[in-house]
């Protein structure tokens, strides 16, 4: 009788390990599907593709130029992180992707980003192509109508960190402690 109980326990353990392995494998396959090819323009009007996110560790923030607080705060903080990193951060690329391409033309993006940094590259383009990119990077963004016919955008407020292969590496939360953010960026530069 004891033998059958032990065999039953081992059989259940084998099934459990098999299920856990399957779940891990399925999760690994899903993680690999982060991002997608895109063809947009930078803030100088030059073509830019997903290749820009490969070859160097990358910090990407999705926002818009009419944003009242989150976007200017985050861009100001990003520039502070880059300053703190100094030459250590030379291999780190930084991007600001518009979730409001209808208003954020390359010229608008260039002027806006110029108020914060010369090391952050703006990305915009055809609204449909931008929204495809936003979805592929699992960013939340939606238009919110305001009184008087104007609108604002709700969007993810985290900075996405990508390794040199363009794969997801982590995030820096909105208004995260500057020391913690710089530590994450140093780790990205070292390991990514």
Protein backbone atom coordinates (compact mmCIF):
# COMPACT_ATOMS: atom_id res chain seq x y z
CA UNK A 1 0.00 0.00 0.00
CA UNK A 2 2.80 2.41 0.92
CA UNK A 3 4.47 1.72 -2.43
CA UNK A 4 1.34 2.85 -4.33
CA UNK A 5 1.14 6.03 -2.27
CA UNK A 6 4.79 6.86 -3.02
CA UNK A 7 4.33 6.11 -6.73
CA UNK A 8 1.25 8.38 -6.71
CA UNK A 9 3.16 11.20 -5.00
CA UNK A 10 6.05 10.93 -7.49
CA UNK A 11 3.61 10.88 -10.40
CA UNK A 12 1.90 14.05 -9.10
CA UNK A 13 5.30 15.73 -8.61
CA UNK A 14 6.31 14.81 -12.18
CA UNK A 15 3.08 16.30 -13.54
CA UNK A 16 3.57 19.47 -11.45
CA UNK A 17 7.16 19.90 -12.67
CA UNK A 18 5.98 19.34 -16.24
CA UNK A 19 3.28 22.01 -15.90
CA UNK A 20 5.69 24.47 -14.33
CA UNK A 21 8.20 23.89 -17.15
CA UNK A 22 5.46 24.37 -19.74
CA UNK A 23 4.33 27.63 -18.10
CA UNK A 24 7.92 28.90 -17.95
CA UNK A 25 8.51 28.02 -21.61
CA UNK A 26 5.27 29.69 -22.69
CA UNK A 27 6.21 32.80 -20.68
CA UNK A 28 9.67 32.88 -22.25
CA UNK A 29 8.13 32.72 -25.73
CA UNK A 30 5.73 35.55 -24.88
CA UNK A 31 8.56 37.70 -23.49
CA UNK A 32 10.48 37.28 -26.72
CA UNK A 33 7.55 38.85 -28.61
CA UNK A 34 8.18 42.30 -27.08
CA UNK A 35 8.22 45.12 -29.63
CA UNK A 36 7.89 44.88 -33.39
CA UNK A 37 9.38 46.36 -36.55
CA UNK A 38 8.44 49.99 -37.18
CA UNK A 39 9.18 52.74 -39.70
CA UNK A 40 8.77 56.22 -38.26
CA UNK A 41 10.75 59.49 -38.20
CA UNK A 42 12.95 61.11 -35.60
CA UNK A 43 12.64 64.72 -34.46
CA UNK A 44 14.86 65.80 -37.38
CA UNK A 45 12.47 64.19 -39.87
CA UNK A 46 14.94 61.38 -40.65
CA UNK A 47 13.68 57.78 -40.97
CA UNK A 48 14.06 55.61 -37.87
CA UNK A 49 13.30 51.93 -37.39
CA UNK A 50 13.52 49.30 -34.65
CA UNK A 51 17.22 48.98 -35.56
CA UNK A 52 17.79 52.13 -33.45
CA UNK A 53 16.90 50.03 -30.38
CA UNK A 54 19.61 47.47 -31.12
CA UNK A 55 23.36 47.65 -30.60
CA UNK A 56 23.20 49.77 -27.45
CA UNK A 57 21.22 49.68 -24.21
CA UNK A 58 18.21 51.94 -24.57
CA UNK A 59 15.82 53.97 -22.42
CA UNK A 60 12.47 54.72 -24.11
CA UNK A 61 9.71 56.96 -22.79
CA UNK A 62 6.28 57.21 -24.46
CA UNK A 63 4.53 60.55 -23.96
CA UNK A 64 3.41 63.71 -25.74
CA UNK A 65 4.38 67.37 -25.97
CA UNK A 66 1.07 68.77 -24.66
CA UNK A 67 1.43 66.73 -21.46
CA UNK A 68 1.01 68.99 -18.43
CA UNK A 69 3.22 67.19 -15.89
CA UNK A 70 4.33 63.56 -16.36
CA UNK A 71 6.20 64.07 -19.64
CA UNK A 72 8.15 67.22 -18.81
CA UNK A 73 9.01 65.79 -15.39
CA UNK A 74 10.21 62.51 -16.88
CA UNK A 75 12.28 64.18 -19.62
CA UNK A 76 13.85 66.49 -17.02
CA UNK A 77 14.65 63.46 -14.85
CA UNK A 78 16.05 61.51 -17.83
CA UNK A 79 18.45 64.34 -18.58
CA UNK A 80 19.47 64.37 -14.90
CA UNK A 81 20.17 60.62 -15.00
CA UNK A 82 22.26 61.05 -18.14
CA UNK A 83 24.21 63.90 -16.51
CA UNK A 84 24.84 61.76 -13.43
CA UNK A 85 26.10 58.89 -15.60
CA UNK A 86 28.49 61.21 -17.44
CA UNK A 87 30.76 59.37 -19.89
CA UNK A 88 29.61 56.07 -18.37
CA UNK A 89 26.29 56.67 -20.11
CA UNK A 90 27.77 57.35 -23.56
CA UNK A 91 26.65 53.92 -24.81
CA UNK A 92 23.10 54.45 -23.55
CA UNK A 93 20.56 55.68 -26.10
CA UNK A 94 17.47 57.63 -24.96
CA UNK A 95 14.22 58.12 -26.90
CA UNK A 96 10.94 59.99 -26.44
CA UNK A 97 8.16 58.41 -28.53
CA UNK A 98 5.04 60.50 -29.09
CA UNK A 99 1.68 58.90 -28.34
CA UNK A 100 0.08 61.99 -29.94
CA UNK A 101 1.56 62.05 -33.46
CA UNK A 102 -1.35 64.13 -34.79
CA UNK A 103 0.04 67.16 -32.95
CA UNK A 104 3.63 66.05 -32.39
CA UNK A 105 5.28 66.66 -35.75
CA UNK A 106 9.07 66.33 -36.01
CA UNK A 107 9.40 70.12 -35.70
CA UNK A 108 7.24 70.23 -32.56
CA UNK A 109 9.15 67.28 -31.06
CA UNK A 110 12.53 68.89 -31.82
CA UNK A 111 11.58 72.15 -30.13
CA UNK A 112 10.06 70.41 -27.13
CA UNK A 113 12.90 67.95 -26.50
CA UNK A 114 15.44 70.75 -27.02
CA UNK A 115 14.11 72.31 -23.82
CA UNK A 116 15.35 69.28 -21.87
CA UNK A 117 18.24 67.54 -23.58
CA UNK A 118 20.38 67.15 -26.66
CA UNK A 119 20.84 63.43 -25.88
CA UNK A 120 17.19 62.35 -26.20
CA UNK A 121 15.86 61.56 -29.67
CA UNK A 122 12.19 62.14 -30.45
CA UNK A 123 10.19 59.63 -32.48
CA UNK A 124 6.89 60.35 -34.26
CA UNK A 125 5.26 59.68 -37.60
CA UNK A 126 2.10 58.39 -39.19
CA UNK A 127 -0.51 58.08 -36.40
CA UNK A 128 -1.51 54.54 -37.35
CA UNK A 129 2.14 53.38 -37.48
CA UNK A 130 2.87 55.04 -34.14
CA UNK A 131 -0.10 53.33 -32.48
CA UNK A 132 1.03 49.97 -33.87
CA UNK A 133 4.43 50.57 -32.24
CA UNK A 134 2.79 51.65 -28.98
CA UNK A 135 0.76 48.41 -28.86
CA UNK A 136 3.78 46.26 -29.79
CA UNK A 137 5.70 47.72 -26.84
CA UNK A 138 2.71 47.10 -24.57
CA UNK A 139 2.23 50.77 -23.76
CA UNK A 140 -1.17 52.06 -22.70
CA UNK A 141 -2.23 55.18 -24.59
CA UNK A 142 -5.65 56.62 -25.33
CA UNK A 143 -7.13 59.94 -26.32
CA UNK A 144 -9.31 61.66 -23.70
CA UNK A 145 -11.67 64.30 -25.02
CA UNK A 146 -11.83 67.57 -23.06
CA UNK A 147 -14.40 70.34 -23.04
CA UNK A 148 -14.15 72.77 -25.92
CA UNK A 149 -13.04 70.15 -28.46
CA UNK A 150 -9.51 69.78 -27.11
CA UNK A 151 -8.03 66.51 -25.88
CA UNK A 152 -5.27 65.03 -23.77
CA UNK A 153 -3.65 61.61 -23.72
CA UNK A 154 -3.61 59.02 -20.95
CA UNK A 155 -0.47 56.91 -21.22
CA UNK A 156 1.97 54.65 -19.43
CA UNK A 157 4.29 56.81 -17.34
CA UNK A 158 7.26 54.43 -16.98
CA UNK A 159 10.54 54.56 -18.85
CA UNK A 160 11.13 51.27 -20.68
CA UNK A 161 14.64 49.83 -20.53
CA UNK A 162 15.78 47.69 -23.47
CA UNK A 163 18.96 45.66 -23.72
CA UNK A 164 21.31 45.92 -26.71
CA UNK A 165 19.22 43.30 -28.54
CA UNK A 166 16.12 45.50 -28.21
CA UNK A 167 14.52 43.15 -25.67
CA UNK A 168 12.73 44.24 -22.51
CA UNK A 169 15.15 44.69 -19.59
CA UNK A 170 13.08 46.58 -17.01
CA UNK A 171 11.40 49.89 -16.19
CA UNK A 172 11.96 53.06 -14.25
CA UNK A 173 8.73 54.23 -12.66
CA UNK A 174 7.43 57.79 -12.80
CA UNK A 175 9.20 59.90 -10.17
CA UNK A 176 11.29 56.94 -9.03
CA UNK A 177 14.13 57.84 -6.68
CA UNK A 178 16.96 59.28 -8.83
CA UNK A 179 19.59 57.12 -7.16
CA UNK A 180 17.57 53.97 -7.86
CA UNK A 181 16.97 55.05 -11.46
CA UNK A 182 20.70 55.63 -12.06
CA UNK A 183 21.50 52.25 -10.46
CA UNK A 184 19.07 50.58 -12.90
CA UNK A 185 20.67 52.40 -15.83
CA UNK A 186 24.17 51.37 -14.71
CA UNK A 187 22.99 47.76 -14.53
CA UNK A 188 21.45 48.08 -18.00
CA UNK A 189 24.73 49.47 -19.40
CA UNK A 190 26.75 46.70 -17.70
CA UNK A 191 24.48 43.74 -18.44
CA UNK A 192 22.33 44.87 -21.36
